[in-house]
Amino acid sequence: GTVVCAPVHRFELEVPQDLLGAVLSELPRHRAVPLTTR
């Protein structure tokens, strides 16, 4: 038996602070999982 595994990228996304909320809301639509914010 084998399990098919798909490639996952690590991303770094730089955005204006005032638009952070909008970007965080968009990420799930692309199955993106945020890990850190600074």
PDB file of all heavy atoms in Angstrom:
ATOM      1  N   GLY A   1       0.830  -1.202   0.000  1.00  0.00           N
ATOM      2  CA  GLY A   1       0.000   0.000   0.000  1.00  0.00           C
ATOM      3  C   GLY A   1       0.863   1.250   0.000  1.00  0.00           C
ATOM      4  O   GLY A   1       1.922   1.302   0.627  1.00  0.00           O
ATOM      5  N   THR A   2       0.417   2.252  -0.734  1.00  0.00           N
ATOM      6  CA  THR A   2       1.131   3.526  -0.755  1.00  0.00           C
ATOM      7  C   THR A   2       0.139   4.669  -0.533  1.00  0.00           C
ATOM      8  O   THR A   2      -1.042   4.555  -0.857  1.00  0.00           O
ATOM      9  CB  THR A   2       1.860   3.761  -2.098  1.00  0.00           C
ATOM     10  OG1 THR A   2       0.900   3.830  -3.154  1.00  0.00           O
ATOM     11  CG2 THR A   2       2.863   2.659  -2.377  1.00  0.00           C
ATOM     12  N   VAL A   3       0.657   5.750   0.028  1.00  0.00           N
ATOM     13  CA  VAL A   3      -0.120   6.973   0.231  1.00  0.00           C
ATOM     14  C   VAL A   3       0.443   8.045  -0.690  1.00  0.00           C
ATOM     15  O   VAL A   3       1.658   8.284  -0.696  1.00  0.00           O
ATOM     16  CB  VAL A   3      -0.042   7.456   1.689  1.00  0.00           C
ATOM     17  CG1 VAL A   3      -0.757   8.787   1.861  1.00  0.00           C
ATOM     18  CG2 VAL A   3      -0.635   6.413   2.616  1.00  0.00           C
ATOM     19  N   VAL A   4      -0.420   8.662  -1.492  1.00  0.00           N
ATOM     20  CA  VAL A   4       0.016   9.754  -2.357  1.00  0.00           C
ATOM     21  C   VAL A   4       0.121  11.029  -1.535  1.00  0.00           C
ATOM     22  O   VAL A   4      -0.821  11.414  -0.838  1.00  0.00           O
ATOM     23  CB  VAL A   4      -0.957   9.960  -3.531  1.00  0.00           C
ATOM     24  CG1 VAL A   4      -0.535  11.165  -4.371  1.00  0.00           C
ATOM     25  CG2 VAL A   4      -1.004   8.703  -4.397  1.00  0.00           C
ATOM     26  N   CYS A   5       1.293  11.675  -1.606  1.00  0.00           N
ATOM     27  CA  CYS A   5       1.533  12.907  -0.850  1.00  0.00           C
ATOM     28  C   CYS A   5       1.826  14.040  -1.819  1.00  0.00           C
ATOM     29  O   CYS A   5       2.614  13.875  -2.759  1.00  0.00           O
ATOM     30  CB  CYS A   5       2.700  12.725   0.112  1.00  0.00           C
ATOM     31  SG  CYS A   5       2.374  11.520   1.428  1.00  0.00           S
ATOM     32  N   ALA A   6       1.189  15.176  -1.595  1.00  0.00           N
ATOM     33  CA  ALA A   6       1.313  16.333  -2.484  1.00  0.00           C
ATOM     34  C   ALA A   6       2.290  17.355  -1.904  1.00  0.00           C
ATOM     35  O   ALA A   6       2.472  17.436  -0.687  1.00  0.00           O
ATOM     36  CB  ALA A   6      -0.058  16.976  -2.693  1.00  0.00           C
ATOM     37  N   PRO A   7       2.935  18.157  -2.762  1.00  0.00           N
ATOM     38  CA  PRO A   7       3.914  19.134  -2.276  1.00  0.00           C
ATOM     39  C   PRO A   7       3.259  20.290  -1.530  1.00  0.00           C
ATOM     40  O   PRO A   7       2.214  20.798  -1.940  1.00  0.00           O
ATOM     41  CB  PRO A   7       4.596  19.617  -3.560  1.00  0.00           C
ATOM     42  CG  PRO A   7       3.587  19.382  -4.633  1.00  0.00           C
ATOM     43  CD  PRO A   7       2.830  18.161  -4.226  1.00  0.00           C
ATOM     44  N   VAL A   8       3.897  20.678  -0.451  1.00  0.00           N
ATOM     45  CA  VAL A   8       3.438  21.807   0.378  1.00  0.00           C
ATOM     46  C   VAL A   8       4.577  22.813   0.464  1.00  0.00           C
ATOM     47  O   VAL A   8       5.716  22.449   0.759  1.00  0.00           O
ATOM     48  CB  VAL A   8       3.040  21.337   1.786  1.00  0.00           C
ATOM     49  CG1 VAL A   8       2.624  22.528   2.652  1.00  0.00           C
ATOM     50  CG2 VAL A   8       1.903  20.314   1.710  1.00  0.00           C
ATOM     51  N   HIS A   9       4.281  24.074   0.185  1.00  0.00           N
ATOM     52  CA  HIS A   9       5.282  25.127   0.231  1.00  0.00           C
ATOM     53  C   HIS A   9       5.243  25.873   1.560  1.00  0.00           C
ATOM     54  O   HIS A   9       4.167  26.021   2.171  1.00  0.00           O
ATOM     55  CB  HIS A   9       5.048  26.138  -0.893  1.00  0.00           C
ATOM     56  CG  HIS A   9       5.499  25.649  -2.235  1.00  0.00           C
ATOM     57  ND1 HIS A   9       6.048  26.470  -3.186  1.00  0.00           N
ATOM     58  CD2 HIS A   9       5.500  24.411  -2.790  1.00  0.00           C
ATOM     59  CE1 HIS A   9       6.358  25.777  -4.260  1.00  0.00           C
ATOM     60  NE2 HIS A   9       6.018  24.520  -4.047  1.00  0.00           N
ATOM     61  N   ARG A  10       6.400  26.324   1.989  1.00  0.00           N
ATOM     62  CA  ARG A  10       6.465  27.277   3.100  1.00  0.00           C
ATOM     63  C   ARG A  10       6.393  28.680   2.501  1.00  0.00           C
ATOM     64  O   ARG A  10       7.111  28.988   1.549  1.00  0.00           O
ATOM     65  CB  ARG A  10       7.782  27.113   3.864  1.00  0.00           C
ATOM     66  CG  ARG A  10       7.908  28.043   5.068  1.00  0.00           C
ATOM     67  CD  ARG A  10       9.161  27.783   5.871  1.00  0.00           C
ATOM     68  NE  ARG A  10      10.374  28.179   5.164  1.00  0.00           N
ATOM     69  CZ  ARG A  10      11.242  27.355   4.635  1.00  0.00           C
ATOM     70  NH1 ARG A  10      11.049  26.052   4.675  1.00  0.00           N
ATOM     71  NH2 ARG A  10      12.326  27.800   4.012  1.00  0.00           N
ATOM     72  N   PHE A  11       5.492  29.504   3.000  1.00  0.00           N
ATOM     73  CA  PHE A  11       5.360  30.842   2.421  1.00  0.00           C
ATOM     74  C   PHE A  11       5.738  31.923   3.425  1.00  0.00           C
ATOM     75  O   PHE A  11       5.667  31.738   4.646  1.00  0.00           O
ATOM     76  CB  PHE A  11       3.930  31.082   1.902  1.00  0.00           C
ATOM     77  CG  PHE A  11       2.881  31.274   2.964  1.00  0.00           C
ATOM     78  CD1 PHE A  11       2.699  32.504   3.587  1.00  0.00           C
ATOM     79  CD2 PHE A  11       2.050  30.231   3.347  1.00  0.00           C
ATOM     80  CE1 PHE A  11       1.720  32.694   4.562  1.00  0.00           C
ATOM     81  CE2 PHE A  11       1.080  30.391   4.319  1.00  0.00           C
ATOM     82  CZ  PHE A  11       0.912  31.628   4.926  1.00  0.00           C
ATOM     83  N   GLU A  12       6.174  33.035   2.865  1.00  0.00           N
ATOM     84  CA  GLU A  12       6.363  34.257   3.641  1.00  0.00           C
ATOM     85  C   GLU A  12       5.601  35.352   2.913  1.00  0.00           C
ATOM     86  O   GLU A  12       5.818  35.583   1.721  1.00  0.00           O
ATOM     87  CB  GLU A  12       7.847  34.617   3.751  1.00  0.00           C
ATOM     88  CG  GLU A  12       8.095  35.869   4.585  1.00  0.00           C
ATOM     89  CD  GLU A  12       9.571  36.139   4.800  1.00  0.00           C
ATOM     90  OE1 GLU A  12      10.190  35.454   5.642  1.00  0.00           O
ATOM     91  OE2 GLU A  12      10.112  37.019   4.101  1.00  0.00           O
ATOM     92  N   LEU A  13       4.707  36.000   3.622  1.00  0.00           N
ATOM     93  CA  LEU A  13       3.797  36.974   3.018  1.00  0.00           C
ATOM     94  C   LEU A  13       3.915  38.297   3.764  1.00  0.00           C
ATOM     95  O   LEU A  13       3.661  38.370   4.974  1.00  0.00           O
ATOM     96  CB  LEU A  13       2.365  36.435   3.082  1.00  0.00           C
ATOM     97  CG  LEU A  13       1.239  37.306   2.531  1.00  0.00           C
ATOM     98  CD1 LEU A  13       1.519  37.728   1.098  1.00  0.00           C
ATOM     99  CD2 LEU A  13      -0.084  36.530   2.595  1.00  0.00           C
ATOM    100  N   GLU A  14       4.337  39.321   3.040  1.00  0.00           N
ATOM    101  CA  GLU A  14       4.512  40.654   3.618  1.00  0.00           C
ATOM    102  C   GLU A  14       3.357  41.540   3.155  1.00  0.00           C
ATOM    103  O   GLU A  14       3.142  41.715   1.954  1.00  0.00           O
ATOM    104  CB  GLU A  14       5.852  41.229   3.160  1.00  0.00           C
ATOM    105  CG  GLU A  14       6.247  42.521   3.824  1.00  0.00           C
ATOM    106  CD  GLU A  14       7.635  42.963   3.414  1.00  0.00           C
ATOM    107  OE1 GLU A  14       8.605  42.242   3.729  1.00  0.00           O
ATOM    108  OE2 GLU A  14       7.742  44.027   2.768  1.00  0.00           O
ATOM    109  N   VAL A  15       2.597  42.096   4.125  1.00  0.00           N
ATOM    110  CA  VAL A  15       1.407  42.888   3.791  1.00  0.00           C
ATOM    111  C   VAL A  15       1.335  44.110   4.697  1.00  0.00           C
ATOM    112  O   VAL A  15       1.916  44.128   5.794  1.00  0.00           O
ATOM    113  CB  VAL A  15       0.117  42.050   3.960  1.00  0.00           C
ATOM    114  CG1 VAL A  15       0.132  40.835   3.048  1.00  0.00           C
ATOM    115  CG2 VAL A  15      -0.072  41.615   5.407  1.00  0.00           C
ATOM    116  N   PRO A  16       0.626  45.170   4.270  1.00  0.00           N
ATOM    117  CA  PRO A  16       0.408  46.321   5.155  1.00  0.00           C
ATOM    118  C   PRO A  16      -0.334  45.886   6.424  1.00  0.00           C
ATOM    119  O   PRO A  16      -1.247  45.054   6.364  1.00  0.00           O
ATOM    120  CB  PRO A  16      -0.433  47.276   4.306  1.00  0.00           C
ATOM    121  CG  PRO A  16      -0.147  46.879   2.878  1.00  0.00           C
ATOM    122  CD  PRO A  16       0.073  45.400   2.922  1.00  0.00           C
ATOM    123  N   GLN A  17       0.048  46.487   7.544  1.00  0.00           N
ATOM    124  CA  GLN A  17      -0.559  46.086   8.818  1.00  0.00           C
ATOM    125  C   GLN A  17      -2.072  46.232   8.806  1.00  0.00           C
ATOM    126  O   GLN A  17      -2.790  45.384   9.346  1.00  0.00           O
ATOM    127  CB  GLN A  17       0.020  46.925   9.965  1.00  0.00           C
ATOM    128  CG  GLN A  17       1.457  46.607  10.324  1.00  0.00           C
ATOM    129  CD  GLN A  17       1.883  47.345  11.572  1.00  0.00           C
ATOM    130  OE1 GLN A  17       1.185  47.348  12.595  1.00  0.00           O
ATOM    131  NE2 GLN A  17       3.047  47.989  11.497  1.00  0.00           N
ATOM    132  N   ASP A  18      -2.585  47.303   8.186  1.00  0.00           N
ATOM    133  CA  ASP A  18      -4.030  47.562   8.239  1.00  0.00           C
ATOM    134  C   ASP A  18      -4.833  46.584   7.399  1.00  0.00           C
ATOM    135  O   ASP A  18      -6.064  46.532   7.505  1.00  0.00           O
ATOM    136  CB  ASP A  18      -4.331  48.996   7.804  1.00  0.00           C
ATOM    137  CG  ASP A  18      -3.890  49.276   6.373  1.00  0.00           C
ATOM    138  OD1 ASP A  18      -2.765  48.891   6.021  1.00  0.00           O
ATOM    139  OD2 ASP A  18      -4.685  49.864   5.615  1.00  0.00           O
ATOM    140  N   LEU A  19      -4.152  45.788   6.552  1.00  0.00           N
ATOM    141  CA  LEU A  19      -4.852  44.822   5.700  1.00  0.00           C
ATOM    142  C   LEU A  19      -4.605  43.385   6.138  1.00  0.00           C
ATOM    143  O   LEU A  19      -4.985  42.444   5.446  1.00  0.00           O
ATOM    144  CB  LEU A  19      -4.409  44.999   4.245  1.00  0.00           C
ATOM    145  CG  LEU A  19      -4.743  46.364   3.621  1.00  0.00           C
ATOM    146  CD1 LEU A  19      -4.156  46.476   2.229  1.00  0.00           C
ATOM    147  CD2 LEU A  19      -6.249  46.582   3.584  1.00  0.00           C
ATOM    148  N   LEU A  20      -3.995  43.224   7.300  1.00  0.00           N
ATOM    149  CA  LEU A  20      -3.663  41.887   7.775  1.00  0.00           C
ATOM    150  C   LEU A  20      -4.916  41.020   7.940  1.00  0.00           C
ATOM    151  O   LEU A  20      -4.931  39.849   7.574  1.00  0.00           O
ATOM    152  CB  LEU A  20      -2.905  41.980   9.097  1.00  0.00           C
ATOM    153  CG  LEU A  20      -2.500  40.655   9.754  1.00  0.00           C
ATOM    154  CD1 LEU A  20      -1.600  39.847   8.824  1.00  0.00           C
ATOM    155  CD2 LEU A  20      -1.793  40.916  11.079  1.00  0.00           C
ATOM    156  N   GLY A  21      -5.984  41.606   8.471  1.00  0.00           N
ATOM    157  CA  GLY A  21      -7.215  40.841   8.688  1.00  0.00           C
ATOM    158  C   GLY A  21      -7.797  40.302   7.399  1.00  0.00           C
ATOM    159  O   GLY A  21      -8.224  39.141   7.336  1.00  0.00           O
ATOM    160  N   ALA A  22      -7.817  41.135   6.363  1.00  0.00           N
ATOM    161  CA  ALA A  22      -8.358  40.689   5.073  1.00  0.00           C
ATOM    162  C   ALA A  22      -7.539  39.548   4.488  1.00  0.00           C
ATOM    163  O   ALA A  22      -8.086  38.592   3.928  1.00  0.00           O
ATOM    164  CB  ALA A  22      -8.398  41.871   4.104  1.00  0.00           C
ATOM    165  N   VAL A  23      -6.233  39.634   4.647  1.00  0.00           N
ATOM    166  CA  VAL A  23      -5.370  38.583   4.110  1.00  0.00           C
ATOM    167  C   VAL A  23      -5.559  37.284   4.884  1.00  0.00           C
ATOM    168  O   VAL A  23      -5.634  36.198   4.306  1.00  0.00           O
ATOM    169  CB  VAL A  23      -3.901  39.038   4.146  1.00  0.00           C
ATOM    170  CG1 VAL A  23      -2.974  37.880   3.777  1.00  0.00           C
ATOM    171  CG2 VAL A  23      -3.684  40.212   3.206  1.00  0.00           C
ATOM    172  N   LEU A  24      -5.658  37.385   6.212  1.00  0.00           N
ATOM    173  CA  LEU A  24      -5.882  36.186   7.029  1.00  0.00           C
ATOM    174  C   LEU A  24      -7.195  35.504   6.667  1.00  0.00           C
ATOM    175  O   LEU A  24      -7.297  34.272   6.693  1.00  0.00           O
ATOM    176  CB  LEU A  24      -5.861  36.547   8.510  1.00  0.00           C
ATOM    177  CG  LEU A  24      -4.480  36.846   9.110  1.00  0.00           C
ATOM    178  CD1 LEU A  24      -4.619  37.423  10.520  1.00  0.00           C
ATOM    179  CD2 LEU A  24      -3.628  35.572   9.149  1.00  0.00           C
ATOM    180  N   SER A  25      -8.202  36.289   6.298  1.00  0.00           N
ATOM    181  CA  SER A  25      -9.495  35.706   5.906  1.00  0.00           C
ATOM    182  C   SER A  25      -9.409  34.999   4.561  1.00  0.00           C
ATOM    183  O   SER A  25     -10.157  34.059   4.293  1.00  0.00           O
ATOM    184  CB  SER A  25     -10.564  36.813   5.836  1.00  0.00           C
ATOM    185  OG  SER A  25     -10.744  37.413   7.103  1.00  0.00           O
ATOM    186  N   GLU A  26      -8.488  35.458   3.704  1.00  0.00           N
ATOM    187  CA  GLU A  26      -8.343  34.872   2.375  1.00  0.00           C
ATOM    188  C   GLU A  26      -7.589  33.552   2.393  1.00  0.00           C
ATOM    189  O   GLU A  26      -7.842  32.661   1.566  1.00  0.00           O
ATOM    190  CB  GLU A  26      -7.609  35.865   1.458  1.00  0.00           C
ATOM    191  CG  GLU A  26      -7.358  35.385   0.046  1.00  0.00           C
ATOM    192  CD  GLU A  26      -8.636  35.312  -0.793  1.00  0.00           C
ATOM    193  OE1 GLU A  26      -9.646  35.960  -0.417  1.00  0.00           O
ATOM    194  OE2 GLU A  26      -8.614  34.604  -1.823  1.00  0.00           O
ATOM    195  N   LEU A  27      -6.674  33.393   3.330  1.00  0.00           N
ATOM    196  CA  LEU A  27      -5.790  32.228   3.314  1.00  0.00           C
ATOM    197  C   LEU A  27      -6.533  30.892   3.312  1.00  0.00           C
ATOM    198  O   LEU A  27      -6.148  29.975   2.562  1.00  0.00           O
ATOM    199  CB  LEU A  27      -4.812  32.300   4.492  1.00  0.00           C
ATOM    200  CG  LEU A  27      -3.770  33.426   4.432  1.00  0.00           C
ATOM    201  CD1 LEU A  27      -2.850  33.369   5.653  1.00  0.00           C
ATOM    202  CD2 LEU A  27      -2.941  33.338   3.157  1.00  0.00           C
ATOM    203  N   PRO A  28      -7.581  30.696   4.120  1.00  0.00           N
ATOM    204  CA  PRO A  28      -8.264  29.394   4.106  1.00  0.00           C
ATOM    205  C   PRO A  28      -8.847  29.020   2.750  1.00  0.00           C
ATOM    206  O   PRO A  28      -8.988  27.832   2.439  1.00  0.00           O
ATOM    207  CB  PRO A  28      -9.372  29.566   5.158  1.00  0.00           C
ATOM    208  CG  PRO A  28      -8.873  30.646   6.066  1.00  0.00           C
ATOM    209  CD  PRO A  28      -8.127  31.580   5.170  1.00  0.00           C
ATOM    210  N   ARG A  29      -9.188  30.014   1.926  1.00  0.00           N
ATOM    211  CA  ARG A  29      -9.730  29.711   0.603  1.00  0.00           C
ATOM    212  C   ARG A  29      -8.698  29.017  -0.281  1.00  0.00           C
ATOM    213  O   ARG A  29      -9.042  28.394  -1.277  1.00  0.00           O
ATOM    214  CB  ARG A  29     -10.223  30.994  -0.071  1.00  0.00           C
ATOM    215  CG  ARG A  29     -11.365  31.680   0.663  1.00  0.00           C
ATOM    216  CD  ARG A  29     -11.893  32.873  -0.145  1.00  0.00           C
ATOM    217  NE  ARG A  29     -13.014  33.514   0.535  1.00  0.00           N
ATOM    218  CZ  ARG A  29     -12.894  34.563   1.343  1.00  0.00           C
ATOM    219  NH1 ARG A  29     -11.698  35.087   1.547  1.00  0.00           N
ATOM    220  NH2 ARG A  29     -13.953  35.083   1.929  1.00  0.00           N
ATOM    221  N   HIS A  30      -7.431  29.161   0.079  1.00  0.00           N
ATOM    222  CA  HIS A  30      -6.349  28.528  -0.680  1.00  0.00           C
ATOM    223  C   HIS A  30      -5.692  27.417   0.129  1.00  0.00           C
ATOM    224  O   HIS A  30      -4.582  26.998  -0.189  1.00  0.00           O
ATOM    225  CB  HIS A  30      -5.317  29.583  -1.077  1.00  0.00           C
ATOM    226  CG  HIS A  30      -5.898  30.730  -1.852  1.00  0.00           C
ATOM    227  ND1 HIS A  30      -6.095  30.688  -3.211  1.00  0.00           N
ATOM    228  CD2 HIS A  30      -6.377  31.940  -1.439  1.00  0.00           C
ATOM    229  CE1 HIS A  30      -6.635  31.821  -3.611  1.00  0.00           C
ATOM    230  NE2 HIS A  30      -6.811  32.594  -2.556  1.00  0.00           N
ATOM    231  N   ARG A  31      -6.389  26.964   1.156  1.00  0.00           N
ATOM    232  CA  ARG A  31      -5.883  25.901   2.040  1.00  0.00           C
ATOM    233  C   ARG A  31      -4.530  26.246   2.654  1.00  0.00           C
ATOM    234  O   ARG A  31      -3.713  25.384   2.942  1.00  0.00           O
ATOM    235  CB  ARG A  31      -5.810  24.570   1.291  1.00  0.00           C
ATOM    236  CG  ARG A  31      -7.181  24.004   0.899  1.00  0.00           C
ATOM    237  CD  ARG A  31      -7.061  22.603   0.348  1.00  0.00           C
ATOM    238  NE  ARG A  31      -6.583  22.607  -1.031  1.00  0.00           N
ATOM    239  CZ  ARG A  31      -5.787  21.706  -1.564  1.00  0.00           C
ATOM    240  NH1 ARG A  31      -5.344  20.704  -0.820  1.00  0.00           N
ATOM    241  NH2 ARG A  31      -5.405  21.789  -2.820  1.00  0.00           N
ATOM    242  N   ALA A  32      -4.290  27.547   2.828  1.00  0.00           N
ATOM    243  CA  ALA A  32      -3.044  28.014   3.438  1.00  0.00           C
ATOM    244  C   ALA A  32      -3.220  28.089   4.955  1.00  0.00           C
ATOM    245  O   ALA A  32      -4.262  28.520   5.455  1.00  0.00           O
ATOM    246  CB  ALA A  32      -2.661  29.379   2.893  1.00  0.00           C
ATOM    247  N   VAL A  33      -2.189  27.669   5.677  1.00  0.00           N
ATOM    248  CA  VAL A  33      -2.237  27.643   7.146  1.00  0.00           C
ATOM    249  C   VAL A  33      -1.168  28.593   7.685  1.00  0.00           C
ATOM    250  O   VAL A  33       0.038  28.331   7.534  1.00  0.00           O
ATOM    251  CB  VAL A  33      -1.982  26.226   7.685  1.00  0.00           C
ATOM    252  CG1 VAL A  33      -2.015  26.222   9.210  1.00  0.00           C
ATOM    253  CG2 VAL A  33      -2.998  25.244   7.110  1.00  0.00           C
ATOM    254  N   PRO A  34      -1.559  29.729   8.296  1.00  0.00           N
ATOM    255  CA  PRO A  34      -0.554  30.629   8.874  1.00  0.00           C
ATOM    256  C   PRO A  34       0.041  30.029  10.142  1.00  0.00           C
ATOM    257  O   PRO A  34      -0.667  29.406  10.937  1.00  0.00           O
ATOM    258  CB  PRO A  34      -1.348  31.905   9.167  1.00  0.00           C
ATOM    259  CG  PRO A  34      -2.755  31.438   9.333  1.00  0.00           C
ATOM    260  CD  PRO A  34      -2.926  30.242   8.445  1.00  0.00           C
ATOM    261  N   LEU A  35       1.338  30.225  10.320  1.00  0.00           N
ATOM    262  CA  LEU A  35       2.022  29.685  11.496  1.00  0.00           C
ATOM    263  C   LEU A  35       2.544  30.780  12.413  1.00  0.00           C
ATOM    264  O   LEU A  35       2.454  30.664  13.630  1.00  0.00           O
ATOM    265  CB  LEU A  35       3.189  28.784  11.059  1.00  0.00           C
ATOM    266  CG  LEU A  35       2.820  27.563  10.224  1.00  0.00           C
ATOM    267  CD1 LEU A  35       4.080  26.807   9.805  1.00  0.00           C
ATOM    268  CD2 LEU A  35       1.897  26.634  11.013  1.00  0.00           C
ATOM    269  N   THR A  36       3.096  31.846  11.828  1.00  0.00           N
ATOM    270  CA  THR A  36       3.618  32.942  12.651  1.00  0.00           C
ATOM    271  C   THR A  36       3.229  34.281  12.026  1.00  0.00           C
ATOM    272  O   THR A  36       3.032  34.386  10.816  1.00  0.00           O
ATOM    273  CB  THR A  36       5.154  32.893  12.772  1.00  0.00           C
ATOM    274  OG1 THR A  36       5.747  33.136  11.487  1.00  0.00           O
ATOM    275  CG2 THR A  36       5.630  31.547  13.296  1.00  0.00           C
ATOM    276  N   THR A  37       3.139  35.287  12.878  1.00  0.00           N
ATOM    277  CA  THR A  37       2.879  36.659  12.434  1.00  0.00           C
ATOM    278  C   THR A  37       3.781  37.591  13.222  1.00  0.00           C
ATOM    279  O   THR A  37       3.893  37.467  14.439  1.00  0.00           O
ATOM    280  CB  THR A  37       1.410  37.066  12.678  1.00  0.00           C
ATOM    281  OG1 THR A  37       0.541  36.106  12.073  1.00  0.00           O
ATOM    282  CG2 THR A  37       1.121  38.442  12.091  1.00  0.00           C
ATOM    283  N   ARG A  38       4.430  38.507  12.526  1.00  0.00           N
ATOM    284  CA  ARG A  38       5.271  39.491  13.197  1.00  0.00           C
ATOM    285  C   ARG A  38       5.243  40.789  12.408  1.00  0.00           C
ATOM    286  O   ARG A  38       4.790  40.829  11.258  1.00  0.00           O
ATOM    287  CB  ARG A  38       6.716  38.991  13.296  1.00  0.00           C
ATOM    288  CG  ARG A  38       7.399  38.746  11.975  1.00  0.00           C
ATOM    289  CD  ARG A  38       8.811  38.208  12.126  1.00  0.00           C
ATOM    290  NE  ARG A  38       9.403  37.878  10.846  1.00  0.00           N
ATOM    291  CZ  ARG A  38      10.009  38.757  10.053  1.00  0.00           C
ATOM    292  NH1 ARG A  38      10.114  40.029  10.453  1.00  0.00           N
ATOM    293  NH2 ARG A  38      10.513  38.391   8.901  1.00  0.00           N
TER     294      ARG A  38
END
